[in-house]
Amino acid sequence: FRMLADLRERGLRASDVAELIDVPRNTLLAWKNGTEPAHHDGDRLIELWCEWTEKARHQRPLALR
């Protein structure tokens, strides 16, 4: 999951991201393994990614299917 990797590159551990978006760390790890987040959780992750990368929402990496 590219957004999680981008956040890690900026110094945020999985536990930090989980705390900041208010999800259990295990949930975040499941996302890294391909589980799709609930809409509201995914939206919080996108907002965090935008804040930490200083990129716009439309610049977020998208999954290839």
PDB file of N, CA and C in Angstrom:
ATOM      1  N   PHE A   1       0.856  -1.172   0.000  1.00  0.00           N
ATOM      2  CA  PHE A   1       0.000   0.000   0.000  1.00  0.00           C
ATOM      3  C   PHE A   1       0.897   1.228   0.000  1.00  0.00           C
ATOM      4  N   ARG A   2       0.969   1.922  -1.126  1.00  0.00           N
ATOM      5  CA  ARG A   2       1.946   2.989  -1.351  1.00  0.00           C
ATOM      6  C   ARG A   2       1.814   4.146  -0.362  1.00  0.00           C
ATOM      7  N   MET A   3       0.609   4.509   0.029  1.00  0.00           N
ATOM      8  CA  MET A   3       0.469   5.626   0.969  1.00  0.00           C
ATOM      9  C   MET A   3       1.133   5.297   2.299  1.00  0.00           C
ATOM     10  N   LEU A   4       1.002   4.074   2.765  1.00  0.00           N
ATOM     11  CA  LEU A   4       1.645   3.682   4.023  1.00  0.00           C
ATOM     12  C   LEU A   4       3.160   3.718   3.876  1.00  0.00           C
ATOM     13  N   ALA A   5       3.670   3.294   2.730  1.00  0.00           N
ATOM     14  CA  ALA A   5       5.113   3.344   2.487  1.00  0.00           C
ATOM     15  C   ALA A   5       5.595   4.790   2.451  1.00  0.00           C
ATOM     16  N   ASP A   6       4.834   5.666   1.816  1.00  0.00           N
ATOM     17  CA  ASP A   6       5.196   7.093   1.775  1.00  0.00           C
ATOM     18  C   ASP A   6       5.260   7.682   3.179  1.00  0.00           C
ATOM     19  N   LEU A   7       4.297   7.320   4.019  1.00  0.00           N
ATOM     20  CA  LEU A   7       4.287   7.830   5.394  1.00  0.00           C
ATOM     21  C   LEU A   7       5.463   7.273   6.181  1.00  0.00           C
ATOM     22  N   ARG A   8       5.806   6.022   5.944  1.00  0.00           N
ATOM     23  CA  ARG A   8       6.960   5.412   6.623  1.00  0.00           C
ATOM     24  C   ARG A   8       8.247   6.148   6.229  1.00  0.00           C
ATOM     25  N   GLU A   9       8.354   6.497   4.949  1.00  0.00           N
ATOM     26  CA  GLU A   9       9.530   7.234   4.468  1.00  0.00           C
ATOM     27  C   GLU A   9       9.658   8.601   5.142  1.00  0.00           C
ATOM     28  N   ARG A  10       8.559   9.104   5.652  1.00  0.00           N
ATOM     29  CA  ARG A  10       8.558  10.400   6.339  1.00  0.00           C
ATOM     30  C   ARG A  10       8.638  10.242   7.856  1.00  0.00           C
ATOM     31  N   GLY A  11       8.926   9.018   8.305  1.00  0.00           N
ATOM     32  CA  GLY A  11       9.180   8.785   9.723  1.00  0.00           C
ATOM     33  C   GLY A  11       8.017   8.291  10.551  1.00  0.00           C
ATOM     34  N   LEU A  12       6.879   8.025   9.936  1.00  0.00           N
ATOM     35  CA  LEU A  12       5.723   7.524  10.684  1.00  0.00           C
ATOM     36  C   LEU A  12       5.709   6.000  10.659  1.00  0.00           C
ATOM     37  N   ARG A  13       5.763   5.392  11.821  1.00  0.00           N
ATOM     38  CA  ARG A  13       5.643   3.932  11.926  1.00  0.00           C
ATOM     39  C   ARG A  13       4.169   3.541  11.788  1.00  0.00           C
ATOM     40  N   ALA A  14       3.922   2.271  11.557  1.00  0.00           N
ATOM     41  CA  ALA A  14       2.552   1.780  11.439  1.00  0.00           C
ATOM     42  C   ALA A  14       1.751   2.128  12.685  1.00  0.00           C
ATOM     43  N   SER A  15       2.371   1.983  13.856  1.00  0.00           N
ATOM     44  CA  SER A  15       1.660   2.298  15.098  1.00  0.00           C
ATOM     45  C   SER A  15       1.314   3.788  15.186  1.00  0.00           C
ATOM     46  N   ASP A  16       2.179   4.647  14.648  1.00  0.00           N
ATOM     47  CA  ASP A  16       1.895   6.091  14.628  1.00  0.00           C
ATOM     48  C   ASP A  16       0.699   6.391  13.737  1.00  0.00           C
ATOM     49  N   VAL A  17       0.706   5.809  12.553  1.00  0.00           N
ATOM     50  CA  VAL A  17      -0.392   6.028  11.605  1.00  0.00           C
ATOM     51  C   VAL A  17      -1.697   5.518  12.205  1.00  0.00           C
ATOM     52  N   ALA A  18      -1.658   4.330  12.773  1.00  0.00           N
ATOM     53  CA  ALA A  18      -2.866   3.747  13.378  1.00  0.00           C
ATOM     54  C   ALA A  18      -3.427   4.667  14.452  1.00  0.00           C
ATOM     55  N   GLU A  19      -2.553   5.203  15.292  1.00  0.00           N
ATOM     56  CA  GLU A  19      -3.007   6.105  16.350  1.00  0.00           C
ATOM     57  C   GLU A  19      -3.580   7.404  15.775  1.00  0.00           C
ATOM     58  N   LEU A  20      -2.908   7.960  14.781  1.00  0.00           N
ATOM     59  CA  LEU A  20      -3.346   9.233  14.208  1.00  0.00           C
ATOM     60  C   LEU A  20      -4.692   9.141  13.494  1.00  0.00           C
ATOM     61  N   ILE A  21      -4.978   7.972  12.896  1.00  0.00           N
ATOM     62  CA  ILE A  21      -6.265   7.844  12.198  1.00  0.00           C
ATOM     63  C   ILE A  21      -7.265   7.015  12.993  1.00  0.00           C
ATOM     64  N   ASP A  22      -6.874   6.645  14.209  1.00  0.00           N
ATOM     65  CA  ASP A  22      -7.765   5.976  15.156  1.00  0.00           C
ATOM     66  C   ASP A  22      -8.286   4.626  14.661  1.00  0.00           C
ATOM     67  N   VAL A  23      -7.345   3.769  14.261  1.00  0.00           N
ATOM     68  CA  VAL A  23      -7.680   2.387  13.934  1.00  0.00           C
ATOM     69  C   VAL A  23      -6.682   1.483  14.662  1.00  0.00           C
ATOM     70  N   PRO A  24      -7.050   0.247  14.942  1.00  0.00           N
ATOM     71  CA  PRO A  24      -6.090  -0.672  15.551  1.00  0.00           C
ATOM     72  C   PRO A  24      -4.909  -0.932  14.605  1.00  0.00           C
ATOM     73  N   ARG A  25      -3.739  -1.143  15.179  1.00  0.00           N
ATOM     74  CA  ARG A  25      -2.545  -1.406  14.374  1.00  0.00           C
ATOM     75  C   ARG A  25      -2.753  -2.640  13.488  1.00  0.00           C
ATOM     76  N   ASN A  26      -3.429  -3.655  13.994  1.00  0.00           N
ATOM     77  CA  ASN A  26      -3.686  -4.858  13.196  1.00  0.00           C
ATOM     78  C   ASN A  26      -4.513  -4.547  11.956  1.00  0.00           C
ATOM     79  N   THR A  27      -5.419  -3.600  12.063  1.00  0.00           N
ATOM     80  CA  THR A  27      -6.219  -3.188  10.906  1.00  0.00           C
ATOM     81  C   THR A  27      -5.310  -2.583   9.846  1.00  0.00           C
ATOM     82  N   LEU A  28      -4.414  -1.728  10.287  1.00  0.00           N
ATOM     83  CA  LEU A  28      -3.470  -1.099   9.363  1.00  0.00           C
ATOM     84  C   LEU A  28      -2.598  -2.152   8.670  1.00  0.00           C
ATOM     85  N   LEU A  29      -2.144  -3.129   9.420  1.00  0.00           N
ATOM     86  CA  LEU A  29      -1.335  -4.199   8.840  1.00  0.00           C
ATOM     87  C   LEU A  29      -2.135  -5.013   7.829  1.00  0.00           C
ATOM     88  N   ALA A  30      -3.422  -5.198   8.086  1.00  0.00           N
ATOM     89  CA  ALA A  30      -4.281  -5.900   7.125  1.00  0.00           C
ATOM     90  C   ALA A  30      -4.381  -5.101   5.826  1.00  0.00           C
ATOM     91  N   TRP A  31      -4.448  -3.783   5.932  1.00  0.00           N
ATOM     92  CA  TRP A  31      -4.483  -2.947   4.727  1.00  0.00           C
ATOM     93  C   TRP A  31      -3.205  -3.127   3.920  1.00  0.00           C
ATOM     94  N   LYS A  32      -2.071  -3.212   4.618  1.00  0.00           N
ATOM     95  CA  LYS A  32      -0.798  -3.409   3.925  1.00  0.00           C
ATOM     96  C   LYS A  32      -0.797  -4.725   3.152  1.00  0.00           C
ATOM     97  N   ASN A  33      -1.584  -5.683   3.628  1.00  0.00           N
ATOM     98  CA  ASN A  33      -1.662  -6.993   2.976  1.00  0.00           C
ATOM     99  C   ASN A  33      -2.786  -7.078   1.955  1.00  0.00           C
ATOM    100  N   GLY A  34      -3.439  -5.962   1.662  1.00  0.00           N
ATOM    101  CA  GLY A  34      -4.419  -5.936   0.588  1.00  0.00           C
ATOM    102  C   GLY A  34      -5.872  -5.798   0.980  1.00  0.00           C
ATOM    103  N   THR A  35      -6.179  -5.835   2.278  1.00  0.00           N
ATOM    104  CA  THR A  35      -7.560  -5.627   2.697  1.00  0.00           C
ATOM    105  C   THR A  35      -7.942  -4.175   2.429  1.00  0.00           C
ATOM    106  N   GLU A  36      -9.104  -3.953   1.883  1.00  0.00           N
ATOM    107  CA  GLU A  36      -9.552  -2.593   1.580  1.00  0.00           C
ATOM    108  C   GLU A  36     -10.164  -1.955   2.822  1.00  0.00           C
ATOM    109  N   PRO A  37      -9.730  -0.731   3.156  1.00  0.00           N
ATOM    110  CA  PRO A  37     -10.287  -0.074   4.346  1.00  0.00           C
ATOM    111  C   PRO A  37     -11.724   0.385   4.129  1.00  0.00           C
ATOM    112  N   ALA A  38     -12.451   0.506   5.247  1.00  0.00           N
ATOM    113  CA  ALA A  38     -13.782   1.118   5.192  1.00  0.00           C
ATOM    114  C   ALA A  38     -13.622   2.548   4.685  1.00  0.00           C
ATOM    115  N   HIS A  39     -14.649   3.066   4.065  1.00  0.00           N
ATOM    116  CA  HIS A  39     -14.566   4.394   3.443  1.00  0.00           C
ATOM    117  C   HIS A  39     -14.045   5.457   4.403  1.00  0.00           C
ATOM    118  N   HIS A  40     -14.631   5.550   5.595  1.00  0.00           N
ATOM    119  CA  HIS A  40     -14.231   6.615   6.524  1.00  0.00           C
ATOM    120  C   HIS A  40     -12.799   6.430   7.012  1.00  0.00           C
ATOM    121  N   ASP A  41     -12.344   5.188   7.155  1.00  0.00           N
ATOM    122  CA  ASP A  41     -10.954   4.947   7.552  1.00  0.00           C
ATOM    123  C   ASP A  41      -9.999   5.300   6.413  1.00  0.00           C
ATOM    124  N   GLY A  42     -10.351   4.898   5.224  1.00  0.00           N
ATOM    125  CA  GLY A  42      -9.532   5.227   4.060  1.00  0.00           C
ATOM    126  C   GLY A  42      -9.437   6.724   3.848  1.00  0.00           C
ATOM    127  N   ASP A  43     -10.535   7.416   4.094  1.00  0.00           N
ATOM    128  CA  ASP A  43     -10.545   8.869   3.942  1.00  0.00           C
ATOM    129  C   ASP A  43      -9.598   9.527   4.955  1.00  0.00           C
ATOM    130  N   ARG A  44      -9.597   9.027   6.185  1.00  0.00           N
ATOM    131  CA  ARG A  44      -8.679   9.577   7.195  1.00  0.00           C
ATOM    132  C   ARG A  44      -7.231   9.300   6.810  1.00  0.00           C
ATOM    133  N   LEU A  45      -6.974   8.133   6.241  1.00  0.00           N
ATOM    134  CA  LEU A  45      -5.624   7.813   5.795  1.00  0.00           C
ATOM    135  C   LEU A  45      -5.192   8.755   4.671  1.00  0.00           C
ATOM    136  N   ILE A  46      -6.073   9.003   3.733  1.00  0.00           N
ATOM    137  CA  ILE A  46      -5.763   9.920   2.632  1.00  0.00           C
ATOM    138  C   ILE A  46      -5.463  11.316   3.167  1.00  0.00           C
ATOM    139  N   GLU A  47      -6.269  11.789   4.103  1.00  0.00           N
ATOM    140  CA  GLU A  47      -6.034  13.116   4.685  1.00  0.00           C
ATOM    141  C   GLU A  47      -4.681  13.194   5.380  1.00  0.00           C
ATOM    142  N   LEU A  48      -4.333  12.145   6.122  1.00  0.00           N
ATOM    143  CA  LEU A  48      -3.039  12.107   6.786  1.00  0.00           C
ATOM    144  C   LEU A  48      -1.918  12.101   5.753  1.00  0.00           C
ATOM    145  N   TRP A  49      -2.065  11.303   4.712  1.00  0.00           N
ATOM    146  CA  TRP A  49      -1.075  11.233   3.647  1.00  0.00           C
ATOM    147  C   TRP A  49      -0.886  12.614   3.002  1.00  0.00           C
ATOM    148  N   CYS A  50      -1.981  13.292   2.720  1.00  0.00           N
ATOM    149  CA  CYS A  50      -1.903  14.633   2.124  1.00  0.00           C
ATOM    150  C   CYS A  50      -1.145  15.599   3.040  1.00  0.00           C
ATOM    151  N   GLU A  51      -1.451  15.537   4.312  1.00  0.00           N
ATOM    152  CA  GLU A  51      -0.807  16.418   5.285  1.00  0.00           C
ATOM    153  C   GLU A  51       0.699  16.166   5.356  1.00  0.00           C
ATOM    154  N   TRP A  52       1.093  14.919   5.435  1.00  0.00           N
ATOM    155  CA  TRP A  52       2.511  14.581   5.617  1.00  0.00           C
ATOM    156  C   TRP A  52       3.327  14.662   4.339  1.00  0.00           C
ATOM    157  N   THR A  53       2.700  14.466   3.180  1.00  0.00           N
ATOM    158  CA  THR A  53       3.444  14.520   1.921  1.00  0.00           C
ATOM    159  C   THR A  53       3.344  15.888   1.261  1.00  0.00           C
ATOM    160  N   GLU A  54       2.418  16.712   1.760  1.00  0.00           N
ATOM    161  CA  GLU A  54       2.159  18.032   1.177  1.00  0.00           C
ATOM    162  C   GLU A  54       1.728  17.918  -0.286  1.00  0.00           C
ATOM    163  N   LYS A  55       0.990  16.845  -0.556  1.00  0.00           N
ATOM    164  CA  LYS A  55       0.438  16.638  -1.893  1.00  0.00           C
ATOM    165  C   LYS A  55      -1.076  16.725  -1.830  1.00  0.00           C
ATOM    166  N   ALA A  56      -1.665  16.997  -2.973  1.00  0.00           N
ATOM    167  CA  ALA A  56      -3.121  17.088  -3.071  1.00  0.00           C
ATOM    168  C   ALA A  56      -3.730  15.690  -3.150  1.00  0.00           C
ATOM    169  N   ARG A  57      -4.973  15.620  -2.759  1.00  0.00           N
ATOM    170  CA  ARG A  57      -5.712  14.353  -2.746  1.00  0.00           C
ATOM    171  C   ARG A  57      -5.662  13.636  -4.097  1.00  0.00           C
ATOM    172  N   HIS A  58      -5.758  14.379  -5.185  1.00  0.00           N
ATOM    173  CA  HIS A  58      -5.764  13.751  -6.503  1.00  0.00           C
ATOM    174  C   HIS A  58      -4.394  13.178  -6.888  1.00  0.00           C
ATOM    175  N   GLN A  59      -3.355  13.489  -6.113  1.00  0.00           N
ATOM    176  CA  GLN A  59      -2.012  12.978  -6.393  1.00  0.00           C
ATOM    177  C   GLN A  59      -1.716  11.655  -5.672  1.00  0.00           C
ATOM    178  N   ARG A  60      -2.665  11.181  -4.874  1.00  0.00           N
ATOM    179  CA  ARG A  60      -2.432   9.961  -4.104  1.00  0.00           C
ATOM    180  C   ARG A  60      -2.236   8.773  -5.034  1.00  0.00           C
ATOM    181  N   PRO A  61      -1.428   7.829  -4.583  1.00  0.00           N
ATOM    182  CA  PRO A  61      -1.243   6.618  -5.387  1.00  0.00           C
ATOM    183  C   PRO A  61      -2.526   5.787  -5.400  1.00  0.00           C
ATOM    184  N   LEU A  62      -2.827   5.208  -6.524  1.00  0.00           N
ATOM    185  CA  LEU A  62      -4.027   4.393  -6.662  1.00  0.00           C
ATOM    186  C   LEU A  62      -3.619   2.945  -6.894  1.00  0.00           C
ATOM    187  N   ALA A  63      -4.391   2.038  -6.345  1.00  0.00           N
ATOM    188  CA  ALA A  63      -4.115   0.607  -6.531  1.00  0.00           C
ATOM    189  C   ALA A  63      -4.428   0.202  -7.955  1.00  0.00           C
ATOM    190  N   LEU A  64      -3.585  -0.650  -8.492  1.00  0.00           N
ATOM    191  CA  LEU A  64      -3.840  -1.203  -9.826  1.00  0.00           C
ATOM    192  C   LEU A  64      -4.610  -2.500  -9.655  1.00  0.00           C
ATOM    193  N   ARG A  65      -5.651  -2.654 -10.415  1.00  0.00           N
ATOM    194  CA  ARG A  65      -6.457  -3.874 -10.321  1.00  0.00           C
ATOM    195  C   ARG A  65      -6.498  -4.573 -11.626  1.00  0.00           C
TER     196      ARG A  65
END
